[in-house]
Amino acid sequence: MRFKKYLTKNPSQTKKLGEKLVQEILNSPFPKETLVLGLKGDLGGGKTTFLQGFAKGLGIKEKILSPTFIILKKIKMQSASWRTNFKNFYHIDCYRIEKPRELLSLGFKKIITNPQNVVAIEWADRIDKILPAKTIIINFEFVDQKTRKITIGFKK
């Protein structure tokens, strides 16, 4: 996957982009390891909306809400024919995290090293120091009230 930029003009387009990214990742020669997404952007920028589409693309039927107050939510995935090693979807919200070590105390290292996991981290900029090298970084920027510029690339 290469560095890409997208403009979405409403939440529906943002969800569809999340769903499309799943197919792009799974159809690429992505290594059989933990899939980690780091989402960055301001409050209301579309991070959770994007993940709703991404989760749908993974076949997750459960409603995706931001786990701001519980920080970490694990969803068991149904075995999918296209990627049977993914069994868990972790949705992590670092909005309330002040120091990366707070997340480490929740078993973060074990979560990001298990190849059966898909890990989506909102407010990933708060834990940049402990994100794995192959994290897919997704930046959300406001263009106007409804339009978002979404940039997808890899951690530098």
Protein backbone atom coordinates (compact mmCIF):
# COMPACT_ATOMS: atom_id res chain seq x y z
CA MET A 1 0.00 0.00 0.00
CA ARG A 2 1.29 3.45 -0.92
CA PHE A 3 0.80 6.86 0.67
CA LYS A 4 -2.66 8.13 -0.35
CA LYS A 5 -4.89 11.17 0.18
CA TYR A 6 -8.68 11.20 0.05
CA LEU A 7 -11.43 13.80 0.46
CA THR A 8 -14.72 12.67 1.96
CA LYS A 9 -17.70 14.99 1.91
CA ASN A 10 -19.90 13.27 4.51
CA PRO A 11 -19.82 10.52 7.18
CA SER A 12 -21.15 7.94 4.73
CA GLN A 13 -18.15 8.47 2.42
CA THR A 14 -15.79 8.27 5.41
CA LYS A 15 -17.31 4.90 6.41
CA LYS A 16 -17.05 3.62 2.83
CA LEU A 17 -13.38 4.61 2.73
CA GLY A 18 -12.78 2.55 5.90
CA GLU A 19 -14.50 -0.43 4.32
CA LYS A 20 -12.47 0.00 1.11
CA LEU A 21 -9.19 0.13 3.04
CA VAL A 22 -9.84 -3.35 4.48
CA GLN A 23 -10.06 -4.82 0.99
CA GLU A 24 -6.98 -2.93 -0.16
CA ILE A 25 -4.94 -4.20 2.80
CA LEU A 26 -6.15 -7.77 2.53
CA ASN A 27 -5.57 -7.90 -1.22
CA SER A 28 -2.01 -6.63 -0.84
CA PRO A 29 1.01 -8.72 0.12
CA PHE A 30 0.60 -7.59 3.74
CA PRO A 31 2.65 -9.79 6.06
CA LYS A 32 0.85 -12.28 8.30
CA GLU A 33 1.26 -10.26 11.48
CA THR A 34 -0.75 -7.99 13.69
CA LEU A 35 -2.52 -5.28 11.69
CA VAL A 36 -2.18 -1.96 13.55
CA LEU A 37 -3.92 1.27 12.52
CA GLY A 38 -3.00 4.55 14.18
CA LEU A 39 -5.69 7.21 13.72
CA LYS A 40 -4.79 10.85 14.30
CA GLY A 41 -6.86 14.02 14.11
CA ASP A 42 -8.96 16.50 16.01
CA LEU A 43 -12.12 15.75 17.95
CA GLY A 44 -14.96 15.17 15.48
CA GLY A 45 -12.53 14.55 12.62
CA GLY A 46 -14.06 11.21 11.55
CA LYS A 47 -11.84 8.63 13.29
CA THR A 48 -14.66 6.57 14.82
CA THR A 49 -16.83 6.94 11.71
CA PHE A 50 -13.95 5.60 9.60
CA LEU A 51 -13.53 2.65 11.99
CA GLN A 52 -17.22 1.82 11.71
CA GLY A 53 -16.67 1.22 8.00
CA PHE A 54 -13.38 -0.57 8.60
CA ALA A 55 -15.01 -2.95 11.09
CA LYS A 56 -17.85 -3.59 8.64
CA GLY A 57 -15.26 -4.47 6.00
CA LEU A 58 -13.80 -7.01 8.43
CA GLY A 59 -17.25 -8.58 8.82
CA ILE A 60 -17.86 -7.23 12.32
CA LYS A 61 -21.56 -6.76 12.98
CA GLU A 62 -21.24 -5.21 16.45
CA LYS A 63 -21.82 -1.45 16.66
CA ILE A 64 -18.51 0.43 16.87
CA LEU A 65 -18.46 3.26 19.40
CA SER A 66 -15.40 5.07 20.66
CA PRO A 67 -14.18 3.45 23.92
CA THR A 68 -13.11 6.81 25.41
CA PHE A 69 -13.97 5.92 29.00
CA ILE A 70 -12.99 2.25 28.97
CA ILE A 71 -9.93 2.94 26.77
CA LEU A 72 -9.77 -0.55 25.24
CA LYS A 73 -12.47 -2.80 23.78
CA LYS A 74 -11.94 -6.29 22.37
CA ILE A 75 -14.37 -7.75 19.84
CA LYS A 76 -14.13 -11.42 18.86
CA MET A 77 -14.25 -11.77 15.08
CA GLN A 78 -15.89 -14.58 13.15
CA SER A 79 -13.40 -16.60 11.13
CA ALA A 80 -13.17 -14.98 7.73
CA SER A 81 -12.25 -17.03 4.69
CA TRP A 82 -9.88 -14.32 3.38
CA ARG A 83 -7.79 -14.04 6.54
CA THR A 84 -8.40 -16.82 9.04
CA ASN A 85 -5.64 -15.74 11.41
CA PHE A 86 -7.50 -12.56 12.47
CA LYS A 87 -9.65 -13.46 15.45
CA ASN A 88 -9.80 -10.26 17.52
CA PHE A 89 -10.50 -6.60 16.81
CA TYR A 90 -9.10 -4.25 19.45
CA HIS A 91 -10.45 -0.71 19.47
CA ILE A 92 -8.30 1.54 21.63
CA ASP A 93 -8.97 5.20 22.42
CA CYS A 94 -5.97 7.10 23.80
CA TYR A 95 -7.79 10.42 24.31
CA ARG A 96 -7.51 10.07 28.09
CA ILE A 97 -3.99 8.59 28.04
CA GLU A 98 -1.40 11.01 29.39
CA LYS A 99 1.69 8.80 29.10
CA PRO A 100 2.28 5.76 26.88
CA ARG A 101 3.14 3.58 29.88
CA GLU A 102 -0.53 3.76 30.96
CA LEU A 103 -1.40 1.71 27.87
CA LEU A 104 1.48 -0.68 28.48
CA SER A 105 -0.09 -1.58 31.84
CA LEU A 106 -3.18 -2.81 29.91
CA GLY A 107 -1.14 -5.41 28.00
CA PHE A 108 -0.55 -3.29 24.89
CA LYS A 109 2.73 -5.02 23.92
CA LYS A 110 1.07 -8.44 23.94
CA ILE A 111 -1.90 -7.14 21.92
CA ILE A 112 0.25 -5.59 19.17
CA THR A 113 2.46 -8.66 18.78
CA ASN A 114 -0.31 -11.25 18.38
CA PRO A 115 -0.83 -11.96 14.64
CA GLN A 116 -4.47 -12.85 15.34
CA ASN A 117 -5.24 -9.22 16.21
CA VAL A 118 -6.40 -6.19 14.27
CA VAL A 119 -5.70 -3.14 16.44
CA ALA A 120 -7.25 0.28 15.73
CA ILE A 121 -5.95 3.12 17.90
CA GLU A 122 -7.69 6.48 18.04
CA TRP A 123 -5.57 9.43 19.21
CA ALA A 124 -2.47 7.43 18.27
CA ASP A 125 -0.34 10.59 18.40
CA ARG A 126 -0.47 10.30 22.21
CA ILE A 127 1.45 7.00 22.09
CA ASP A 128 3.71 7.52 19.05
CA LYS A 129 6.73 6.26 20.99
CA ILE A 130 5.28 2.78 21.46
CA LEU A 131 3.54 2.24 18.11
CA PRO A 132 5.04 -0.61 16.08
CA ALA A 133 7.15 0.31 13.04
CA LYS A 134 4.64 -1.06 10.51
CA THR A 135 1.66 0.88 11.86
CA ILE A 136 -0.64 2.24 9.16
CA ILE A 137 -1.12 5.91 10.07
CA ILE A 138 -4.39 7.58 9.09
CA ASN A 139 -4.60 11.36 9.54
CA PHE A 140 -7.93 13.19 9.58
CA GLU A 141 -8.06 16.93 8.83
CA PHE A 142 -11.03 19.29 8.65
CA VAL A 143 -11.46 20.98 5.28
CA ASP A 144 -14.83 22.42 6.27
CA GLN A 145 -17.75 21.39 8.49
CA LYS A 146 -18.51 18.22 6.48
CA THR A 147 -15.42 17.60 4.34
CA ARG A 148 -12.40 15.70 5.62
CA LYS A 149 -8.96 15.20 4.12
CA ILE A 150 -7.81 11.71 5.05
CA THR A 151 -4.19 10.75 4.50
CA ILE A 152 -3.08 7.13 4.76
CA GLY A 153 0.55 6.05 5.03
CA PHE A 154 2.98 4.23 7.29
CA LYS A 155 4.68 5.26 10.52
CA LYS A 156 7.94 7.07 9.85
